[in-house]
Every structure is written in C-alpha cells, then in structure tokens.
Amino acid sequence: MPVSESLFAFFDVETTGLTAGVDEVSEIATILTDLKLKELARIEMKVKISSHAKMKPEAAKVNHYDPEVWDREAKPFGIWQKWLDDQISSRFGPRGHVAIGFGHNAAFDRGIIDQYYYKPSRRFFPISYHCIDTATVGMMMKLAGVIDVPNVKLSPLREALGLGV
C-alpha cells in the first residue's frame, strides 16, 4: 500500500518501569491522523496490570499511579488492541496495513507494546516498525540550529516548537 494512503499513529505509553522483559504498560494514548494531520480518532486509557507485575516507585511517581484509581478505571489492554485494529481495518480492509508511529521515545513504546501484547498473541501489529521519534527529530533540529533547547526531552521540545500540552 502506498505511503500516501497511510495514517499517523501518535502514541504514548506509560509503564510500570523501564526494564524490558519485566515491566508492562500501565497507560496508553493514541491519536490517529491522516497525513495532513487531520485527527480521525483518539483513545486514552489506563491499563490493567497483571498480578505478577510490580509498579516501580519511580514509575508510580512519574505516572501519578494510584492503585485505587487503576482498580476503578483500568481496562484490559485488549480494548486498545481492538480499537487500533478496528480503526485501521475500517479504513484499509482487514490485516496487512500499518500506521506510521510517531512519539517521544517511540521505539521503546512500540517495542513494549509489541513484546507484551502482540507477539504473545501472534497478532499482527498495525503500527510500523519504523517510527518517527520526537527526540531524534528534536536533536536534528537542534544540531541544524532550527531550535535552541538545552536537551531533547519532551517539555523543552514542546516549548521550543510552540506546542500546547
């Protein structure tokens, strides 16, 4: 399928920690757009954490994790999977098409989703392996003198580019 018939999937994942093979997704948000950045759909949800996963104190602080809130609001990860599969297949037909992923540290986010939720179920993952990473784009812009930021963390990049929260 030609790139001109694709979508962007802007996504962000919060996790129970940063250790691959141990930590899990605790929150996920995704906005699908066309290539002209017209928003087509969005989802944001807290994710149920398996009984063997442990929320690390550092992650809990950064992610504002509250076990009572998660007990009340968290949903199985499969709800996000179905949403993403349905959004893409409703536009391009069943299986085989991917959205171009876009996010801050996108490779980590995409990797943890794939490792824990798509590979075990042997399902097709409809976000491209090749993602656009804001940290990489920010570093290129900084080196080219397009933006002046002290680092390429999300907050300085957002401010330098005049983007809202």
C-alpha atoms as a PDB file:
ATOM      1  CA  MET A   1       0.000   0.000   0.000  1.00  0.00           C
ATOM      2  CA  PRO A   2       1.476   3.405  -0.904  1.00  0.00           C
ATOM      3  CA  VAL A   3       2.581   5.743   1.888  1.00  0.00           C
ATOM      4  CA  SER A   4       0.120   8.317   0.521  1.00  0.00           C
ATOM      5  CA  GLU A   5      -2.677   6.006   1.705  1.00  0.00           C
ATOM      6  CA  SER A   6      -1.380   5.752   5.264  1.00  0.00           C
ATOM      7  CA  LEU A   7      -2.086   7.209   8.689  1.00  0.00           C
ATOM      8  CA  PHE A   8      -0.002   8.591  11.528  1.00  0.00           C
ATOM      9  CA  ALA A   9      -0.429   6.975  14.934  1.00  0.00           C
ATOM     10  CA  PHE A  10       0.743   9.461  17.578  1.00  0.00           C
ATOM     11  CA  PHE A  11       1.111   7.365  20.696  1.00  0.00           C
ATOM     12  CA  ASP A  12       2.396   7.493  24.240  1.00  0.00           C
ATOM     13  CA  VAL A  13       2.793   4.678  26.726  1.00  0.00           C
ATOM     14  CA  GLU A  14       3.377   4.781  30.454  1.00  0.00           C
ATOM     15  CA  THR A  15       4.815   1.665  32.068  1.00  0.00           C
ATOM     16  CA  THR A  16       5.428   0.032  35.425  1.00  0.00           C
ATOM     17  CA  GLY A  17       9.158   0.661  34.909  1.00  0.00           C
ATOM     18  CA  LEU A  18      11.847   0.719  32.232  1.00  0.00           C
ATOM     19  CA  THR A  19      13.054  -2.892  32.226  1.00  0.00           C
ATOM     20  CA  ALA A  20      12.300  -4.789  29.041  1.00  0.00           C
ATOM     21  CA  GLY A  21      11.003  -8.265  29.738  1.00  0.00           C
ATOM     22  CA  VAL A  22       9.724  -7.273  33.185  1.00  0.00           C
ATOM     23  CA  ASP A  23       7.662  -4.089  33.062  1.00  0.00           C
ATOM     24  CA  GLU A  24       4.235  -3.628  31.495  1.00  0.00           C
ATOM     25  CA  VAL A  25       2.037  -0.923  30.009  1.00  0.00           C
ATOM     26  CA  SER A  26       0.019   0.955  32.647  1.00  0.00           C
ATOM     27  CA  GLU A  27      -1.470   3.682  30.396  1.00  0.00           C
ATOM     28  CA  ILE A  28      -1.751   4.249  26.668  1.00  0.00           C
ATOM     29  CA  ALA A  29      -2.947   7.109  24.490  1.00  0.00           C
ATOM     30  CA  THR A  30      -3.170   7.195  20.700  1.00  0.00           C
ATOM     31  CA  ILE A  31      -4.337   9.759  18.171  1.00  0.00           C
ATOM     32  CA  LEU A  32      -4.768   8.643  14.564  1.00  0.00           C
ATOM     33  CA  THR A  33      -4.467  11.294  11.858  1.00  0.00           C
ATOM     34  CA  ASP A  34      -4.289  11.364   8.103  1.00  0.00           C
ATOM     35  CA  LEU A  35      -1.019  12.503   6.543  1.00  0.00           C
ATOM     36  CA  LYS A  36      -2.226  16.123   6.621  1.00  0.00           C
ATOM     37  CA  LEU A  37      -2.590  15.736  10.425  1.00  0.00           C
ATOM     38  CA  LYS A  38      -6.412  15.805  10.414  1.00  0.00           C
ATOM     39  CA  GLU A  39      -7.478  13.907  13.517  1.00  0.00           C
ATOM     40  CA  LEU A  40      -9.500  10.797  12.734  1.00  0.00           C
ATOM     41  CA  ALA A  41      -9.791   9.070  16.119  1.00  0.00           C
ATOM     42  CA  ARG A  42      -8.326   9.014  19.605  1.00  0.00           C
ATOM     43  CA  ILE A  43      -8.216   6.856  22.714  1.00  0.00           C
ATOM     44  CA  GLU A  44      -6.685   7.256  26.153  1.00  0.00           C
ATOM     45  CA  MET A  45      -6.928   4.614  28.847  1.00  0.00           C
ATOM     46  CA  LYS A  46      -5.452   3.188  31.997  1.00  0.00           C
ATOM     47  CA  VAL A  47      -4.416  -0.446  31.508  1.00  0.00           C
ATOM     48  CA  LYS A  48      -4.930  -3.311  33.943  1.00  0.00           C
ATOM     49  CA  ILE A  49      -1.585  -4.531  35.196  1.00  0.00           C
ATOM     50  CA  SER A  50      -1.088  -8.277  35.556  1.00  0.00           C
ATOM     51  CA  SER A  51      -0.873  -9.740  39.045  1.00  0.00           C
ATOM     52  CA  HIS A  52       2.841 -10.548  38.637  1.00  0.00           C
ATOM     53  CA  ALA A  53       3.834  -7.024  37.519  1.00  0.00           C
ATOM     54  CA  LYS A  54       5.016  -4.545  40.121  1.00  0.00           C
ATOM     55  CA  MET A  55       4.707  -0.788  39.717  1.00  0.00           C
ATOM     56  CA  LYS A  56       8.145   0.640  40.498  1.00  0.00           C
ATOM     57  CA  PRO A  57       8.085   3.614  42.914  1.00  0.00           C
ATOM     58  CA  GLU A  58       9.834   5.889  40.371  1.00  0.00           C
ATOM     59  CA  ALA A  59       7.293   4.985  37.677  1.00  0.00           C
ATOM     60  CA  ALA A  60       4.381   5.441  40.089  1.00  0.00           C
ATOM     61  CA  LYS A  61       5.570   8.959  40.903  1.00  0.00           C
ATOM     62  CA  VAL A  62       6.127   9.990  37.269  1.00  0.00           C
ATOM     63  CA  ASN A  63       2.863   8.400  36.093  1.00  0.00           C
ATOM     64  CA  HIS A  64       0.733   9.566  39.053  1.00  0.00           C
ATOM     65  CA  TYR A  65      -0.185   5.952  39.705  1.00  0.00           C
ATOM     66  CA  ASP A  66      -2.906   5.434  42.300  1.00  0.00           C
ATOM     67  CA  PRO A  67      -3.930   1.786  42.839  1.00  0.00           C
ATOM     68  CA  GLU A  68      -7.480   2.805  43.765  1.00  0.00           C
ATOM     69  CA  VAL A  69      -7.886   4.750  40.515  1.00  0.00           C
ATOM     70  CA  TRP A  70      -6.483   1.853  38.469  1.00  0.00           C
ATOM     71  CA  ASP A  71      -8.783  -0.624  40.255  1.00  0.00           C
ATOM     72  CA  ARG A  72     -11.745   1.552  39.296  1.00  0.00           C
ATOM     73  CA  GLU A  73     -10.758   2.766  35.783  1.00  0.00           C
ATOM     74  CA  ALA A  74      -8.210   0.401  34.198  1.00  0.00           C
ATOM     75  CA  LYS A  75      -9.298  -1.755  31.287  1.00  0.00           C
ATOM     76  CA  PRO A  76      -7.735  -4.807  29.664  1.00  0.00           C
ATOM     77  CA  PHE A  77      -5.116  -3.957  27.052  1.00  0.00           C
ATOM     78  CA  GLY A  78      -7.178  -5.873  24.502  1.00  0.00           C
ATOM     79  CA  ILE A  79      -9.598  -2.930  24.342  1.00  0.00           C
ATOM     80  CA  TRP A  80      -6.835  -0.729  22.895  1.00  0.00           C
ATOM     81  CA  GLN A  81      -5.736  -3.520  20.548  1.00  0.00           C
ATOM     82  CA  LYS A  82      -9.272  -3.915  19.208  1.00  0.00           C
ATOM     83  CA  TRP A  83      -9.696  -0.148  18.853  1.00  0.00           C
ATOM     84  CA  LEU A  84      -6.470   0.169  16.840  1.00  0.00           C
ATOM     85  CA  ASP A  85      -7.217  -2.889  14.689  1.00  0.00           C
ATOM     86  CA  ASP A  86     -10.763  -1.638  14.025  1.00  0.00           C
ATOM     87  CA  GLN A  87      -9.634   1.898  13.157  1.00  0.00           C
ATOM     88  CA  ILE A  88      -7.075   0.735  10.634  1.00  0.00           C
ATOM     89  CA  SER A  89      -9.094  -2.115   9.126  1.00  0.00           C
ATOM     90  CA  SER A  90     -12.163   0.134   8.722  1.00  0.00           C
ATOM     91  CA  ARG A  91     -10.059   2.414   6.513  1.00  0.00           C
ATOM     92  CA  PHE A  92      -7.876  -0.107   4.677  1.00  0.00           C
ATOM     93  CA  GLY A  93      -9.517  -3.510   4.996  1.00  0.00           C
ATOM     94  CA  PRO A  94      -8.500  -6.430   7.175  1.00  0.00           C
ATOM     95  CA  ARG A  95      -4.884  -7.047   8.167  1.00  0.00           C
ATOM     96  CA  GLY A  96      -1.727  -6.027   6.486  1.00  0.00           C
ATOM     97  CA  HIS A  97      -1.761  -2.228   6.709  1.00  0.00           C
ATOM     98  CA  VAL A  98       0.246  -0.249   9.259  1.00  0.00           C
ATOM     99  CA  ALA A  99       0.096   3.299  10.568  1.00  0.00           C
ATOM    100  CA  ILE A 100       3.313   5.305  10.806  1.00  0.00           C
ATOM    101  CA  GLY A 101       4.115   5.576  14.508  1.00  0.00           C
ATOM    102  CA  PHE A 102       5.071   8.934  15.977  1.00  0.00           C
ATOM    103  CA  GLY A 103       6.033   9.600  19.588  1.00  0.00           C
ATOM    104  CA  HIS A 104       8.628  10.573  22.163  1.00  0.00           C
ATOM    105  CA  ASN A 105      10.969   7.596  22.594  1.00  0.00           C
ATOM    106  CA  ALA A 106       8.674   5.823  20.136  1.00  0.00           C
ATOM    107  CA  ALA A 107      10.913   2.769  19.753  1.00  0.00           C
ATOM    108  CA  PHE A 108      10.617   1.955  23.481  1.00  0.00           C
ATOM    109  CA  ASP A 109       6.838   2.460  23.497  1.00  0.00           C
ATOM    110  CA  ARG A 110       6.282   0.464  20.318  1.00  0.00           C
ATOM    111  CA  GLY A 111       8.660  -2.256  21.487  1.00  0.00           C
ATOM    112  CA  ILE A 112       6.974  -2.807  24.832  1.00  0.00           C
ATOM    113  CA  ILE A 113       3.536  -2.957  23.192  1.00  0.00           C
ATOM    114  CA  ASP A 114       4.760  -5.484  20.653  1.00  0.00           C
ATOM    115  CA  GLN A 115       6.730  -7.572  23.137  1.00  0.00           C
ATOM    116  CA  TYR A 116       3.972  -7.971  25.691  1.00  0.00           C
ATOM    117  CA  TYR A 117       0.754  -7.812  23.791  1.00  0.00           C
ATOM    118  CA  TYR A 118       1.161  -8.601  20.110  1.00  0.00           C
ATOM    119  CA  LYS A 119       3.938 -11.196  19.965  1.00  0.00           C
ATOM    120  CA  PRO A 120       2.428 -13.453  22.668  1.00  0.00           C
ATOM    121  CA  SER A 121      -0.944 -13.426  20.916  1.00  0.00           C
ATOM    122  CA  ARG A 122       0.728 -13.829  17.490  1.00  0.00           C
ATOM    123  CA  ARG A 123      -1.354 -10.928  16.228  1.00  0.00           C
ATOM    124  CA  PHE A 124      -0.319  -8.530  13.501  1.00  0.00           C
ATOM    125  CA  PHE A 125       0.803  -5.178  14.985  1.00  0.00           C
ATOM    126  CA  PRO A 126      -0.608  -2.325  12.859  1.00  0.00           C
ATOM    127  CA  ILE A 127       1.987   0.295  13.851  1.00  0.00           C
ATOM    128  CA  SER A 128       5.022   0.346  11.576  1.00  0.00           C
ATOM    129  CA  TYR A 129       8.326  -0.925  12.890  1.00  0.00           C
ATOM    130  CA  HIS A 130       9.832   2.306  11.561  1.00  0.00           C
ATOM    131  CA  CYS A 131       8.569   5.106  13.798  1.00  0.00           C
ATOM    132  CA  ILE A 132       9.222   8.828  13.868  1.00  0.00           C
ATOM    133  CA  ASP A 133      10.753   9.736  17.201  1.00  0.00           C
ATOM    134  CA  THR A 134      10.388  13.285  18.534  1.00  0.00           C
ATOM    135  CA  ALA A 135      13.675  13.051  20.444  1.00  0.00           C
ATOM    136  CA  THR A 136      15.539  12.225  17.217  1.00  0.00           C
ATOM    137  CA  VAL A 137      13.728  14.928  15.240  1.00  0.00           C
ATOM    138  CA  GLY A 138      14.426  17.396  18.071  1.00  0.00           C
ATOM    139  CA  MET A 139      18.139  16.541  18.079  1.00  0.00           C
ATOM    140  CA  MET A 140      18.311  17.038  14.298  1.00  0.00           C
ATOM    141  CA  MET A 141      16.560  20.417  14.633  1.00  0.00           C
ATOM    142  CA  LYS A 142      18.888  21.426  17.484  1.00  0.00           C
ATOM    143  CA  LEU A 143      22.025  20.460  15.537  1.00  0.00           C
ATOM    144  CA  ALA A 144      20.735  22.300  12.452  1.00  0.00           C
ATOM    145  CA  GLY A 145      20.152  25.440  14.545  1.00  0.00           C
ATOM    146  CA  VAL A 146      16.393  25.428  13.922  1.00  0.00           C
ATOM    147  CA  ILE A 147      15.563  25.314  17.649  1.00  0.00           C
ATOM    148  CA  ASP A 148      17.527  26.240  20.743  1.00  0.00           C
ATOM    149  CA  VAL A 149      16.883  23.750  23.553  1.00  0.00           C
ATOM    150  CA  PRO A 150      19.035  22.585  26.475  1.00  0.00           C
ATOM    151  CA  ASN A 151      18.091  18.944  25.776  1.00  0.00           C
ATOM    152  CA  VAL A 152      15.635  16.929  23.699  1.00  0.00           C
ATOM    153  CA  LYS A 153      13.267  15.969  26.481  1.00  0.00           C
ATOM    154  CA  LEU A 154       9.609  16.417  25.650  1.00  0.00           C
ATOM    155  CA  SER A 155       8.965  19.584  27.669  1.00  0.00           C
ATOM    156  CA  PRO A 156      11.770  21.734  26.136  1.00  0.00           C
ATOM    157  CA  LEU A 157      10.888  20.480  22.643  1.00  0.00           C
ATOM    158  CA  ARG A 158       7.214  21.289  23.128  1.00  0.00           C
ATOM    159  CA  GLU A 159       8.077  24.783  24.332  1.00  0.00           C
ATOM    160  CA  ALA A 160      10.585  25.439  21.515  1.00  0.00           C
ATOM    161  CA  LEU A 161       8.047  24.359  18.911  1.00  0.00           C
ATOM    162  CA  GLY A 162       5.179  26.315  20.462  1.00  0.00           C
ATOM    163  CA  LEU A 163       3.046  23.234  21.027  1.00  0.00           C
ATOM    164  CA  GLY A 164       0.393  23.012  23.732  1.00  0.00           C
ATOM    165  CA  VAL A 165       0.071  20.283  26.293  1.00  0.00           C
END
